[in-house]
Amino acid sequence: MNPHAWYLSDLKNIPQNGVKVFSTFACGGGSTMGYKRAGCEVIGANDIDPEMAYHYKLNHKPRYYFLCPIRDLLTKDLPDELFHLDILDGSPPCSTFSMAGSREKAWGKEKHFREGQAKQVLSDLFFDYLDLVDHLKPRVAIAENVKGMILGNAKGYTKMVMQRFREIGYRPQLFLVNAADCGVPQKRERVFFCALRDDINKPKLVLNPKHKWVGVKECTEDIRDLSEFRLVTATNHRHLQKDWAKKHPNHTWDWNINSPSPTLVAGGDKELVNKSMQFTSLGFAEYKRLGSFPDDYQAKTDKIGKYMIGMSVPPKMAEAVARAVIDQWLVVK
């Protein structure tokens, strides 16, 4: 068995540490699986997308699930357990801060970004999450977002987020983490806000994962032959490069099968290309391995499955963050 393969059933054998987590903007449950891999109990989740809700319930069978805008949780009659959380997790939709997009032009505008969802102002959703933190008062709040939040004009927005954390009684820290440093065979940089409630006396969090990088070939060689690339002739090189640069703004041409993959995105198919213009298209099975998802993760279609992995925090990345928080802030040894 490939050492990078794992299964949802493996989670039953992980020793529990008593840490209780609730996940917001839960998507397909990437963060949820990371917390479970770290020994936590994820008691429930929230998302606005019915498709995500279906798949989250299918794969994770949560005790509580709220299919609604996050703001609705402020007025719902919530279970008492949610007011005694160790961690409130959240990944507010981040497309308005992504480096691949209109960024500032999209700030403050309503967006109906998937069928079946209510319109939302995406740049407000982080503050909706913070309002829920204030409402539930978990011991720790962990929020994930794109690297774009700490670049350019978005720095001002991030300062407001940090200030809001302080106003509601938390001591926030901000970290830039690469999924490849967490054992994920994918170069994916994400920002993590980790905030400890003011009444808990603990030193500052140290979060600096240094896992050995895992290459694409190493983690997928048992499910495909990555040596069978389709070679593009030199005469097509310039045309193909221009065409792909237009269709895939996050595409990288400097890749080899012994390195982690470029960032998996939610837009569907992902092509990996090397300098010799050899390329291969990735299926759902490869997406699961490169996203550190379990092999038995289920989806209605491969397209939906790849979308969810592209949208989700890789489980092993969430696990690395969770373990640092648990070991340094939550569990008495």
C-alpha atoms as a PDB file:
ATOM      1  CA  MET A   1       0.000   0.000   0.000  1.00  0.00           C
ATOM      2  CA  ASN A   2       1.225   3.500  -0.844  1.00  0.00           C
ATOM      3  CA  PRO A   3       2.236   5.207   2.437  1.00  0.00           C
ATOM      4  CA  HIS A   4       0.473   8.381   1.281  1.00  0.00           C
ATOM      5  CA  ALA A   5      -2.871   6.622   0.872  1.00  0.00           C
ATOM      6  CA  TRP A   6      -5.357   6.651   3.733  1.00  0.00           C
ATOM      7  CA  TYR A   7      -9.074   5.996   4.321  1.00  0.00           C
ATOM      8  CA  LEU A   8     -11.946   7.551   6.245  1.00  0.00           C
ATOM      9  CA  SER A   9     -12.189   4.348   8.250  1.00  0.00           C
ATOM     10  CA  ASP A  10      -8.667   5.030   9.587  1.00  0.00           C
ATOM     11  CA  LEU A  11     -10.063   7.925  11.613  1.00  0.00           C
ATOM     12  CA  LYS A  12     -11.782   5.500  14.001  1.00  0.00           C
ATOM     13  CA  ASN A  13      -8.404   4.247  15.206  1.00  0.00           C
ATOM     14  CA  ILE A  14      -6.935   7.647  16.128  1.00  0.00           C
ATOM     15  CA  PRO A  15      -6.700   8.276  19.918  1.00  0.00           C
ATOM     16  CA  GLN A  16      -9.049  11.063  21.009  1.00  0.00           C
ATOM     17  CA  ASN A  17      -7.772  14.117  22.887  1.00  0.00           C
ATOM     18  CA  GLY A  18     -11.151  15.482  24.020  1.00  0.00           C
ATOM     19  CA  VAL A  19     -10.924  18.614  21.849  1.00  0.00           C
ATOM     20  CA  LYS A  20     -14.305  19.603  20.353  1.00  0.00           C
ATOM     21  CA  VAL A  21     -14.496  21.466  17.039  1.00  0.00           C
ATOM     22  CA  PHE A  22     -17.268  23.058  14.964  1.00  0.00           C
ATOM     23  CA  SER A  23     -16.491  23.896  11.320  1.00  0.00           C
ATOM     24  CA  THR A  24     -18.002  26.804   9.371  1.00  0.00           C
ATOM     25  CA  PHE A  25     -17.771  27.270   5.584  1.00  0.00           C
ATOM     26  CA  ALA A  26     -17.096  23.542   5.811  1.00  0.00           C
ATOM     27  CA  CYS A  27     -17.220  22.772   2.065  1.00  0.00           C
ATOM     28  CA  GLY A  28     -16.363  19.092   1.524  1.00  0.00           C
ATOM     29  CA  GLY A  29     -14.739  18.701   4.917  1.00  0.00           C
ATOM     30  CA  GLY A  30     -11.019  19.070   4.277  1.00  0.00           C
ATOM     31  CA  SER A  31     -10.494  20.872   7.587  1.00  0.00           C
ATOM     32  CA  THR A  32     -12.810  18.444   9.344  1.00  0.00           C
ATOM     33  CA  MET A  33     -10.662  15.495   8.316  1.00  0.00           C
ATOM     34  CA  GLY A  34      -7.552  17.348   9.447  1.00  0.00           C
ATOM     35  CA  TYR A  35      -8.991  17.918  12.918  1.00  0.00           C
ATOM     36  CA  LYS A  36     -10.071  14.288  13.115  1.00  0.00           C
ATOM     37  CA  ARG A  37      -6.592  13.142  12.074  1.00  0.00           C
ATOM     38  CA  ALA A  38      -5.284  15.250  14.972  1.00  0.00           C
ATOM     39  CA  GLY A  39      -7.553  13.400  17.429  1.00  0.00           C
ATOM     40  CA  CYS A  40     -10.374  15.954  17.717  1.00  0.00           C
ATOM     41  CA  GLU A  41     -14.131  15.403  17.731  1.00  0.00           C
ATOM     42  CA  VAL A  42     -15.792  17.521  15.044  1.00  0.00           C
ATOM     43  CA  ILE A  43     -19.322  17.790  16.399  1.00  0.00           C
ATOM     44  CA  GLY A  44     -20.864  19.637  13.473  1.00  0.00           C
ATOM     45  CA  ALA A  45     -20.581  21.968  10.531  1.00  0.00           C
ATOM     46  CA  ASN A  46     -22.179  24.780   8.556  1.00  0.00           C
ATOM     47  CA  ASP A  47     -22.234  25.736   4.891  1.00  0.00           C
ATOM     48  CA  ILE A  48     -24.604  27.604   2.584  1.00  0.00           C
ATOM     49  CA  ASP A  49     -24.229  25.290  -0.422  1.00  0.00           C
ATOM     50  CA  PRO A  50     -26.652  22.319  -0.657  1.00  0.00           C
ATOM     51  CA  GLU A  51     -24.152  20.382  -2.779  1.00  0.00           C
ATOM     52  CA  MET A  52     -21.470  20.779  -0.136  1.00  0.00           C
ATOM     53  CA  ALA A  53     -23.961  19.844   2.574  1.00  0.00           C
ATOM     54  CA  TYR A  54     -24.864  16.628   0.736  1.00  0.00           C
ATOM     55  CA  HIS A  55     -21.238  15.555   0.385  1.00  0.00           C
ATOM     56  CA  TYR A  56     -20.241  16.590   3.888  1.00  0.00           C
ATOM     57  CA  LYS A  57     -23.055  14.510   5.387  1.00  0.00           C
ATOM     58  CA  LEU A  58     -22.282  11.603   3.054  1.00  0.00           C
ATOM     59  CA  ASN A  59     -18.626  11.407   4.050  1.00  0.00           C
ATOM     60  CA  HIS A  60     -18.611  12.679   7.649  1.00  0.00           C
ATOM     61  CA  LYS A  61     -22.064  11.978   9.133  1.00  0.00           C
ATOM     62  CA  PRO A  62     -21.988  14.959  11.545  1.00  0.00           C
ATOM     63  CA  ARG A  63     -24.043  15.183  14.709  1.00  0.00           C
ATOM     64  CA  TYR A  64     -25.135  18.703  13.786  1.00  0.00           C
ATOM     65  CA  TYR A  65     -25.308  20.335  10.374  1.00  0.00           C
ATOM     66  CA  PHE A  66     -26.706  23.768   9.558  1.00  0.00           C
ATOM     67  CA  LEU A  67     -27.409  24.498   5.893  1.00  0.00           C
ATOM     68  CA  CYS A  68     -27.719  28.280   6.011  1.00  0.00           C
ATOM     69  CA  PRO A  69     -25.764  31.538   5.784  1.00  0.00           C
ATOM     70  CA  ILE A  70     -23.378  31.776   8.731  1.00  0.00           C
ATOM     71  CA  ARG A  71     -25.181  34.872  10.021  1.00  0.00           C
ATOM     72  CA  ASP A  72     -28.290  32.775  10.624  1.00  0.00           C
ATOM     73  CA  LEU A  73     -26.399  30.886  13.334  1.00  0.00           C
ATOM     74  CA  LEU A  74     -26.457  34.046  15.450  1.00  0.00           C
ATOM     75  CA  THR A  75     -30.224  33.823  15.874  1.00  0.00           C
ATOM     76  CA  LYS A  76     -30.815  30.060  15.803  1.00  0.00           C
ATOM     77  CA  ASP A  77     -31.538  28.012  18.916  1.00  0.00           C
ATOM     78  CA  LEU A  78     -28.186  26.225  18.940  1.00  0.00           C
ATOM     79  CA  PRO A  79     -27.221  23.131  20.955  1.00  0.00           C
ATOM     80  CA  ASP A  80     -25.498  23.901  24.247  1.00  0.00           C
ATOM     81  CA  GLU A  81     -22.396  22.034  23.034  1.00  0.00           C
ATOM     82  CA  LEU A  82     -21.669  24.818  20.584  1.00  0.00           C
ATOM     83  CA  PHE A  83     -21.230  27.257  23.468  1.00  0.00           C
ATOM     84  CA  HIS A  84     -18.500  25.065  24.983  1.00  0.00           C
ATOM     85  CA  LEU A  85     -16.241  24.571  21.975  1.00  0.00           C
ATOM     86  CA  ASP A  86     -12.501  24.230  22.055  1.00  0.00           C
ATOM     87  CA  ILE A  87     -12.101  25.358  18.427  1.00  0.00           C
ATOM     88  CA  LEU A  88     -14.372  27.238  16.025  1.00  0.00           C
ATOM     89  CA  ASP A  89     -12.974  26.641  12.557  1.00  0.00           C
ATOM     90  CA  GLY A  90     -13.762  28.649   9.443  1.00  0.00           C
ATOM     91  CA  SER A  91     -12.670  29.243   5.850  1.00  0.00           C
ATOM     92  CA  PRO A  92     -14.671  32.258   4.631  1.00  0.00           C
ATOM     93  CA  PRO A  93     -14.912  32.293   0.796  1.00  0.00           C
ATOM     94  CA  CYS A  94     -11.754  33.954  -0.436  1.00  0.00           C
ATOM     95  CA  SER A  95     -12.082  34.627  -4.176  1.00  0.00           C
ATOM     96  CA  THR A  96     -12.166  38.404  -3.697  1.00  0.00           C
ATOM     97  CA  PHE A  97      -8.702  38.249  -2.130  1.00  0.00           C
ATOM     98  CA  SER A  98      -7.201  35.707  -4.503  1.00  0.00           C
ATOM     99  CA  MET A  99      -4.316  36.822  -6.697  1.00  0.00           C
ATOM    100  CA  ALA A 100      -6.148  35.226  -9.654  1.00  0.00           C
ATOM    101  CA  GLY A 101      -9.085  37.550 -10.097  1.00  0.00           C
ATOM    102  CA  SER A 102     -10.369  41.106  -9.896  1.00  0.00           C
ATOM    103  CA  ARG A 103      -9.512  41.431  -6.180  1.00  0.00           C
ATOM    104  CA  GLU A 104     -10.260  45.031  -5.165  1.00  0.00           C
ATOM    105  CA  LYS A 105     -12.960  45.451  -7.834  1.00  0.00           C
ATOM    106  CA  ALA A 106     -14.987  42.663  -6.200  1.00  0.00           C
ATOM    107  CA  TRP A 107     -14.757  43.956  -2.634  1.00  0.00           C
ATOM    108  CA  GLY A 108     -18.065  44.990  -1.098  1.00  0.00           C
ATOM    109  CA  LYS A 109     -20.193  43.608  -3.954  1.00  0.00           C
ATOM    110  CA  GLU A 110     -22.871  40.952  -3.688  1.00  0.00           C
ATOM    111  CA  LYS A 111     -22.072  37.731  -5.462  1.00  0.00           C
ATOM    112  CA  HIS A 112     -24.330  34.798  -6.258  1.00  0.00           C
ATOM    113  CA  PHE A 113     -21.445  32.416  -6.781  1.00  0.00           C
ATOM    114  CA  ARG A 114     -23.152  29.036  -6.936  1.00  0.00           C
ATOM    115  CA  GLU A 115     -26.649  27.956  -7.874  1.00  0.00           C
ATOM    116  CA  GLY A 116     -28.856  27.426  -4.840  1.00  0.00           C
ATOM    117  CA  GLN A 117     -27.107  29.938  -2.634  1.00  0.00           C
ATOM    118  CA  ALA A 118     -28.226  33.308  -1.352  1.00  0.00           C
ATOM    119  CA  LYS A 119     -26.351  36.366  -2.561  1.00  0.00           C
ATOM    120  CA  GLN A 120     -23.550  37.371  -0.225  1.00  0.00           C
ATOM    121  CA  VAL A 121     -20.960  40.105   0.073  1.00  0.00           C
ATOM    122  CA  LEU A 122     -17.894  37.890   0.192  1.00  0.00           C
ATOM    123  CA  SER A 123     -15.622  40.487   1.769  1.00  0.00           C
ATOM    124  CA  ASP A 124     -18.087  40.694   4.703  1.00  0.00           C
ATOM    125  CA  LEU A 125     -18.129  36.967   5.439  1.00  0.00           C
ATOM    126  CA  PHE A 126     -14.965  37.007   7.510  1.00  0.00           C
ATOM    127  CA  PHE A 127     -16.644  39.462   9.865  1.00  0.00           C
ATOM    128  CA  ASP A 128     -19.745  37.265   9.982  1.00  0.00           C
ATOM    129  CA  TYR A 129     -17.434  34.474  11.135  1.00  0.00           C
ATOM    130  CA  LEU A 130     -15.976  36.796  13.777  1.00  0.00           C
ATOM    131  CA  ASP A 131     -19.478  37.666  14.992  1.00  0.00           C
ATOM    132  CA  LEU A 132     -20.061  33.944  15.498  1.00  0.00           C
ATOM    133  CA  VAL A 133     -16.778  33.676  17.398  1.00  0.00           C
ATOM    134  CA  ASP A 134     -18.043  36.472  19.644  1.00  0.00           C
ATOM    135  CA  HIS A 135     -21.390  34.677  20.063  1.00  0.00           C
ATOM    136  CA  LEU A 136     -20.031  31.199  20.862  1.00  0.00           C
ATOM    137  CA  LYS A 137     -16.809  32.206  22.633  1.00  0.00           C
ATOM    138  CA  PRO A 138     -14.714  29.097  21.807  1.00  0.00           C
ATOM    139  CA  ARG A 139     -11.337  28.715  23.507  1.00  0.00           C
ATOM    140  CA  VAL A 140      -9.626  29.078  20.123  1.00  0.00           C
ATOM    141  CA  ALA A 141     -10.703  30.440  16.744  1.00  0.00           C
ATOM    142  CA  ILE A 142      -8.897  29.260  13.599  1.00  0.00           C
ATOM    143  CA  ALA A 143      -9.658  30.836  10.225  1.00  0.00           C
ATOM    144  CA  GLU A 144      -8.012  30.022   6.897  1.00  0.00           C
ATOM    145  CA  ASN A 145      -7.775  32.183   3.796  1.00  0.00           C
ATOM    146  CA  VAL A 146      -5.696  32.889   0.694  1.00  0.00           C
ATOM    147  CA  LYS A 147      -2.222  34.419   0.618  1.00  0.00           C
ATOM    148  CA  GLY A 148      -3.730  37.445  -1.140  1.00  0.00           C
ATOM    149  CA  MET A 149      -5.061  38.654   2.202  1.00  0.00           C
ATOM    150  CA  ILE A 150      -1.560  39.758   3.204  1.00  0.00           C
ATOM    151  CA  LEU A 151      -0.654  41.404  -0.109  1.00  0.00           C
ATOM    152  CA  GLY A 152      -1.404  44.826  -1.568  1.00  0.00           C
ATOM    153  CA  ASN A 153      -4.456  46.746  -0.417  1.00  0.00           C
ATOM    154  CA  ALA A 154      -5.843  43.629   1.289  1.00  0.00           C
ATOM    155  CA  LYS A 155      -3.368  44.250   4.130  1.00  0.00           C
ATOM    156  CA  GLY A 156      -5.723  46.935   5.418  1.00  0.00           C
ATOM    157  CA  TYR A 157      -8.600  44.460   5.493  1.00  0.00           C
ATOM    158  CA  THR A 158      -6.447  41.968   7.373  1.00  0.00           C
ATOM    159  CA  LYS A 159      -5.566  44.611   9.959  1.00  0.00           C
ATOM    160  CA  MET A 160      -9.289  45.153  10.529  1.00  0.00           C
ATOM    161  CA  VAL A 161      -9.754  41.404  11.028  1.00  0.00           C
ATOM    162  CA  MET A 162      -6.960  41.340  13.596  1.00  0.00           C
ATOM    163  CA  GLN A 163      -8.441  44.361  15.375  1.00  0.00           C
ATOM    164  CA  ARG A 164     -11.890  42.757  15.465  1.00  0.00           C
ATOM    165  CA  PHE A 165     -10.404  39.636  17.059  1.00  0.00           C
ATOM    166  CA  ARG A 166      -8.955  41.831  19.809  1.00  0.00           C
ATOM    167  CA  GLU A 167     -12.227  43.705  20.314  1.00  0.00           C
ATOM    168  CA  ILE A 168     -14.123  40.486  20.999  1.00  0.00           C
ATOM    169  CA  GLY A 169     -11.577  39.224  23.503  1.00  0.00           C
ATOM    170  CA  TYR A 170      -9.004  37.201  21.567  1.00  0.00           C
ATOM    171  CA  ARG A 171      -5.259  37.368  20.959  1.00  0.00           C
ATOM    172  CA  PRO A 172      -4.787  36.669  17.232  1.00  0.00           C
ATOM    173  CA  GLN A 173      -1.686  35.540  15.377  1.00  0.00           C
ATOM    174  CA  LEU A 174      -1.237  35.321  11.633  1.00  0.00           C
ATOM    175  CA  PHE A 175       0.716  32.620   9.803  1.00  0.00           C
ATOM    176  CA  LEU A 176       1.537  31.899   6.168  1.00  0.00           C
ATOM    177  CA  VAL A 177       1.738  28.133   5.683  1.00  0.00           C
ATOM    178  CA  ASN A 178       2.676  26.060   2.631  1.00  0.00           C
ATOM    179  CA  ALA A 179       0.759  22.785   2.357  1.00  0.00           C
ATOM    180  CA  ALA A 180       3.908  21.105   1.018  1.00  0.00           C
ATOM    181  CA  ASP A 181       5.590  21.760   4.377  1.00  0.00           C
ATOM    182  CA  CYS A 182       2.739  19.822   6.031  1.00  0.00           C
ATOM    183  CA  GLY A 183       3.239  16.648   3.994  1.00  0.00           C
ATOM    184  CA  VAL A 184       0.704  17.510   1.288  1.00  0.00           C
ATOM    185  CA  PRO A 185       2.036  16.749  -2.225  1.00  0.00           C
ATOM    186  CA  GLN A 186       0.890  20.186  -3.386  1.00  0.00           C
ATOM    187  CA  LYS A 187       2.395  23.682  -3.251  1.00  0.00           C
ATOM    188  CA  ARG A 188      -0.489  25.613  -1.735  1.00  0.00           C
ATOM    189  CA  GLU A 189       0.151  28.686   0.405  1.00  0.00           C
ATOM    190  CA  ARG A 190      -2.595  29.724   2.805  1.00  0.00           C
ATOM    191  CA  VAL A 191      -2.965  32.231   5.622  1.00  0.00           C
ATOM    192  CA  PHE A 192      -4.138  30.993   9.027  1.00  0.00           C
ATOM    193  CA  PHE A 193      -5.497  33.247  11.758  1.00  0.00           C
ATOM    194  CA  CYS A 194      -5.110  31.493  15.120  1.00  0.00           C
ATOM    195  CA  ALA A 195      -6.664  33.347  18.051  1.00  0.00           C
ATOM    196  CA  LEU A 196      -6.651  32.400  21.736  1.00  0.00           C
ATOM    197  CA  ARG A 197      -9.331  33.673  24.126  1.00  0.00           C
ATOM    198  CA  ASP A 198      -7.997  36.365  26.467  1.00  0.00           C
ATOM    199  CA  ASP A 199      -8.753  34.505  29.698  1.00  0.00           C
ATOM    200  CA  ILE A 200      -6.463  31.598  28.729  1.00  0.00           C
ATOM    201  CA  ASN A 201      -2.866  32.133  29.777  1.00  0.00           C
ATOM    202  CA  LYS A 202      -0.610  30.507  27.201  1.00  0.00           C
ATOM    203  CA  PRO A 203       2.506  31.700  25.349  1.00  0.00           C
ATOM    204  CA  LYS A 204       2.392  32.666  21.690  1.00  0.00           C
ATOM    205  CA  LEU A 205       1.810  29.876  19.218  1.00  0.00           C
ATOM    206  CA  VAL A 206       4.748  28.531  17.232  1.00  0.00           C
ATOM    207  CA  LEU A 207       3.600  27.241  13.831  1.00  0.00           C
ATOM    208  CA  ASN A 208       6.422  26.256  11.508  1.00  0.00           C
ATOM    209  CA  PRO A 209       5.821  22.830   9.913  1.00  0.00           C
ATOM    210  CA  LYS A 210       8.872  21.290   8.255  1.00  0.00           C
ATOM    211  CA  HIS A 211       7.647  18.032   6.710  1.00  0.00           C
ATOM    212  CA  LYS A 212       9.748  16.598   3.912  1.00  0.00           C
ATOM    213  CA  TRP A 213       8.190  17.534   0.561  1.00  0.00           C
ATOM    214  CA  VAL A 214       6.294  14.756  -1.195  1.00  0.00           C
ATOM    215  CA  GLY A 215       6.378  14.531  -4.988  1.00  0.00           C
ATOM    216  CA  VAL A 216       3.502  13.760  -7.344  1.00  0.00           C
ATOM    217  CA  LYS A 217       5.074  10.521  -8.569  1.00  0.00           C
ATOM    218  CA  GLU A 218       5.711   9.255  -5.032  1.00  0.00           C
ATOM    219  CA  CYS A 219       2.118   9.696  -3.902  1.00  0.00           C
ATOM    220  CA  THR A 220       0.347   8.540  -7.073  1.00  0.00           C
ATOM    221  CA  GLU A 221       2.601   5.926  -8.679  1.00  0.00           C
ATOM    222  CA  ASP A 222       0.343   3.065  -7.548  1.00  0.00           C
ATOM    223  CA  ILE A 223      -2.750   4.533  -9.232  1.00  0.00           C
ATOM    224  CA  ARG A 224      -1.328   5.814 -12.533  1.00  0.00           C
ATOM    225  CA  ASP A 225       1.769   5.813 -14.713  1.00  0.00           C
ATOM    226  CA  LEU A 226       2.958   9.407 -14.794  1.00  0.00           C
ATOM    227  CA  SER A 227       5.684   8.508 -17.276  1.00  0.00           C
ATOM    228  CA  GLU A 228       3.024   8.247 -19.979  1.00  0.00           C
ATOM    229  CA  PHE A 229       2.808  11.941 -20.812  1.00  0.00           C
ATOM    230  CA  ARG A 230       1.513  13.195 -24.131  1.00  0.00           C
ATOM    231  CA  LEU A 231       4.399  14.956 -25.825  1.00  0.00           C
ATOM    232  CA  VAL A 232       3.692  18.222 -27.643  1.00  0.00           C
ATOM    233  CA  THR A 233       5.854  19.001 -30.645  1.00  0.00           C
ATOM    234  CA  ALA A 234       8.087  22.061 -30.616  1.00  0.00           C
ATOM    235  CA  THR A 235       6.088  23.671 -33.440  1.00  0.00           C
ATOM    236  CA  ASN A 236       3.040  23.817 -31.165  1.00  0.00           C
ATOM    237  CA  HIS A 237       4.972  25.109 -28.160  1.00  0.00           C
ATOM    238  CA  ARG A 238       4.300  28.855 -28.489  1.00  0.00           C
ATOM    239  CA  HIS A 239       0.649  28.518 -29.433  1.00  0.00           C
ATOM    240  CA  LEU A 240      -0.056  26.061 -26.632  1.00  0.00           C
ATOM    241  CA  GLN A 241       1.741  28.146 -24.034  1.00  0.00           C
ATOM    242  CA  LYS A 242      -0.243  31.268 -24.918  1.00  0.00           C
ATOM    243  CA  ASP A 243      -3.516  29.325 -24.957  1.00  0.00           C
ATOM    244  CA  TRP A 244      -2.891  27.710 -21.584  1.00  0.00           C
ATOM    245  CA  ALA A 245      -1.663  30.948 -20.009  1.00  0.00           C
ATOM    246  CA  LYS A 246      -5.007  32.493 -20.954  1.00  0.00           C
ATOM    247  CA  LYS A 247      -7.114  29.583 -19.684  1.00  0.00           C
ATOM    248  CA  HIS A 248      -5.026  28.778 -16.596  1.00  0.00           C
ATOM    249  CA  PRO A 249      -3.726  31.975 -14.933  1.00  0.00           C
ATOM    250  CA  ASN A 250      -2.305  29.982 -12.019  1.00  0.00           C
ATOM    251  CA  HIS A 251      -0.569  27.515 -14.316  1.00  0.00           C
ATOM    252  CA  THR A 252       3.121  26.797 -13.861  1.00  0.00           C
ATOM    253  CA  TRP A 253       5.434  25.517 -16.586  1.00  0.00           C
ATOM    254  CA  ASP A 254       8.248  24.629 -14.196  1.00  0.00           C
ATOM    255  CA  TRP A 255       7.162  21.295 -12.803  1.00  0.00           C
ATOM    256  CA  ASN A 256       8.467  17.757 -12.542  1.00  0.00           C
ATOM    257  CA  ILE A 257       6.936  14.553 -11.250  1.00  0.00           C
ATOM    258  CA  ASN A 258       9.300  14.384  -8.272  1.00  0.00           C
ATOM    259  CA  SER A 259       8.011  17.698  -6.857  1.00  0.00           C
ATOM    260  CA  PRO A 260       4.695  18.578  -5.209  1.00  0.00           C
ATOM    261  CA  SER A 261       2.047  19.664  -7.699  1.00  0.00           C
ATOM    262  CA  PRO A 262       1.075  23.290  -8.248  1.00  0.00           C
ATOM    263  CA  THR A 263      -2.018  24.462  -6.365  1.00  0.00           C
ATOM    264  CA  LEU A 264      -5.135  22.465  -7.219  1.00  0.00           C
ATOM    265  CA  VAL A 265      -7.938  24.856  -8.089  1.00  0.00           C
ATOM    266  CA  ALA A 266     -11.704  24.421  -8.006  1.00  0.00           C
ATOM    267  CA  GLY A 267     -12.197  25.063 -11.711  1.00  0.00           C
ATOM    268  CA  GLY A 268     -12.201  21.446 -12.816  1.00  0.00           C
ATOM    269  CA  ASP A 269      -9.450  19.635 -14.699  1.00  0.00           C
ATOM    270  CA  LYS A 270      -5.845  20.291 -13.755  1.00  0.00           C
ATOM    271  CA  GLU A 271      -2.997  19.785 -16.177  1.00  0.00           C
ATOM    272  CA  LEU A 272       0.550  19.338 -14.942  1.00  0.00           C
ATOM    273  CA  VAL A 273       3.248  20.398 -17.380  1.00  0.00           C
ATOM    274  CA  ASN A 274       7.020  20.271 -17.337  1.00  0.00           C
ATOM    275  CA  LYS A 275       9.619  22.297 -19.251  1.00  0.00           C
ATOM    276  CA  SER A 276       9.685  19.755 -22.062  1.00  0.00           C
ATOM    277  CA  MET A 277       6.001  20.518 -22.741  1.00  0.00           C
ATOM    278  CA  GLN A 278       4.891  17.092 -21.584  1.00  0.00           C
ATOM    279  CA  PHE A 279       1.587  17.132 -19.791  1.00  0.00           C
ATOM    280  CA  THR A 280      -1.006  14.953 -18.152  1.00  0.00           C
ATOM    281  CA  SER A 281      -4.571  15.490 -17.004  1.00  0.00           C
ATOM    282  CA  LEU A 282      -5.470  14.494 -13.453  1.00  0.00           C
ATOM    283  CA  GLY A 283      -8.513  12.475 -12.446  1.00  0.00           C
ATOM    284  CA  PHE A 284     -10.427  12.411  -9.167  1.00  0.00           C
ATOM    285  CA  ALA A 285      -8.197   9.670  -7.738  1.00  0.00           C
ATOM    286  CA  GLU A 286      -5.086  11.793  -8.331  1.00  0.00           C
ATOM    287  CA  TYR A 287      -6.803  14.908  -6.957  1.00  0.00           C
ATOM    288  CA  LYS A 288      -7.548  13.019  -3.740  1.00  0.00           C
ATOM    289  CA  ARG A 289      -3.920  11.999  -3.311  1.00  0.00           C
ATOM    290  CA  LEU A 290      -2.546  15.455  -4.168  1.00  0.00           C
ATOM    291  CA  GLY A 291      -5.076  17.076  -1.845  1.00  0.00           C
ATOM    292  CA  SER A 292      -4.280  14.565   0.955  1.00  0.00           C
ATOM    293  CA  PHE A 293      -7.920  13.422   0.881  1.00  0.00           C
ATOM    294  CA  PRO A 294      -8.714   9.772   1.691  1.00  0.00           C
ATOM    295  CA  ASP A 295      -8.955   7.309  -1.187  1.00  0.00           C
ATOM    296  CA  ASP A 296     -12.517   6.369  -0.202  1.00  0.00           C
ATOM    297  CA  TYR A 297     -13.852   9.953  -0.159  1.00  0.00           C
ATOM    298  CA  GLN A 298     -17.106   9.906  -2.134  1.00  0.00           C
ATOM    299  CA  ALA A 299     -18.577  12.387  -4.622  1.00  0.00           C
ATOM    300  CA  LYS A 300     -21.529  12.307  -7.010  1.00  0.00           C
ATOM    301  CA  THR A 301     -19.204  12.933  -9.950  1.00  0.00           C
ATOM    302  CA  ASP A 302     -15.470  13.299 -10.472  1.00  0.00           C
ATOM    303  CA  LYS A 303     -16.014  16.943 -11.468  1.00  0.00           C
ATOM    304  CA  ILE A 304     -17.761  17.762  -8.181  1.00  0.00           C
ATOM    305  CA  GLY A 305     -15.133  15.823  -6.249  1.00  0.00           C
ATOM    306  CA  LYS A 306     -12.291  17.770  -7.845  1.00  0.00           C
ATOM    307  CA  TYR A 307     -14.154  21.030  -7.230  1.00  0.00           C
ATOM    308  CA  MET A 308     -14.470  20.264  -3.513  1.00  0.00           C
ATOM    309  CA  ILE A 309     -10.801  19.340  -3.182  1.00  0.00           C
ATOM    310  CA  GLY A 310      -9.806  22.541  -4.962  1.00  0.00           C
ATOM    311  CA  MET A 311     -12.004  24.530  -2.557  1.00  0.00           C
ATOM    312  CA  SER A 312     -10.969  22.737   0.625  1.00  0.00           C
ATOM    313  CA  VAL A 313      -8.108  23.024   3.090  1.00  0.00           C
ATOM    314  CA  PRO A 314      -5.999  19.882   2.545  1.00  0.00           C
ATOM    315  CA  PRO A 315      -6.586  17.563   5.538  1.00  0.00           C
ATOM    316  CA  LYS A 316      -2.881  17.135   6.301  1.00  0.00           C
ATOM    317  CA  MET A 317      -2.452  20.919   6.263  1.00  0.00           C
ATOM    318  CA  ALA A 318      -5.350  21.382   8.692  1.00  0.00           C
ATOM    319  CA  GLU A 319      -3.910  18.566  10.802  1.00  0.00           C
ATOM    320  CA  ALA A 320      -0.531  20.319  11.112  1.00  0.00           C
ATOM    321  CA  VAL A 321      -2.184  23.553  12.271  1.00  0.00           C
ATOM    322  CA  ALA A 322      -4.519  21.691  14.632  1.00  0.00           C
ATOM    323  CA  ARG A 323      -1.715  19.692  16.244  1.00  0.00           C
ATOM    324  CA  ALA A 324       0.282  22.855  16.967  1.00  0.00           C
ATOM    325  CA  VAL A 325      -2.760  24.564  18.522  1.00  0.00           C
ATOM    326  CA  ILE A 326      -3.740  21.497  20.541  1.00  0.00           C
ATOM    327  CA  ASP A 327      -0.251  20.761  21.832  1.00  0.00           C
ATOM    328  CA  GLN A 328       0.603  24.360  22.744  1.00  0.00           C
ATOM    329  CA  TRP A 329      -2.760  25.853  23.764  1.00  0.00           C
ATOM    330  CA  LEU A 330      -5.379  23.250  24.603  1.00  0.00           C
ATOM    331  CA  VAL A 331      -4.168  19.905  25.942  1.00  0.00           C
ATOM    332  CA  VAL A 332      -2.443  19.705  29.331  1.00  0.00           C
ATOM    333  CA  LYS A 333       0.343  17.114  29.152  1.00  0.00           C
END
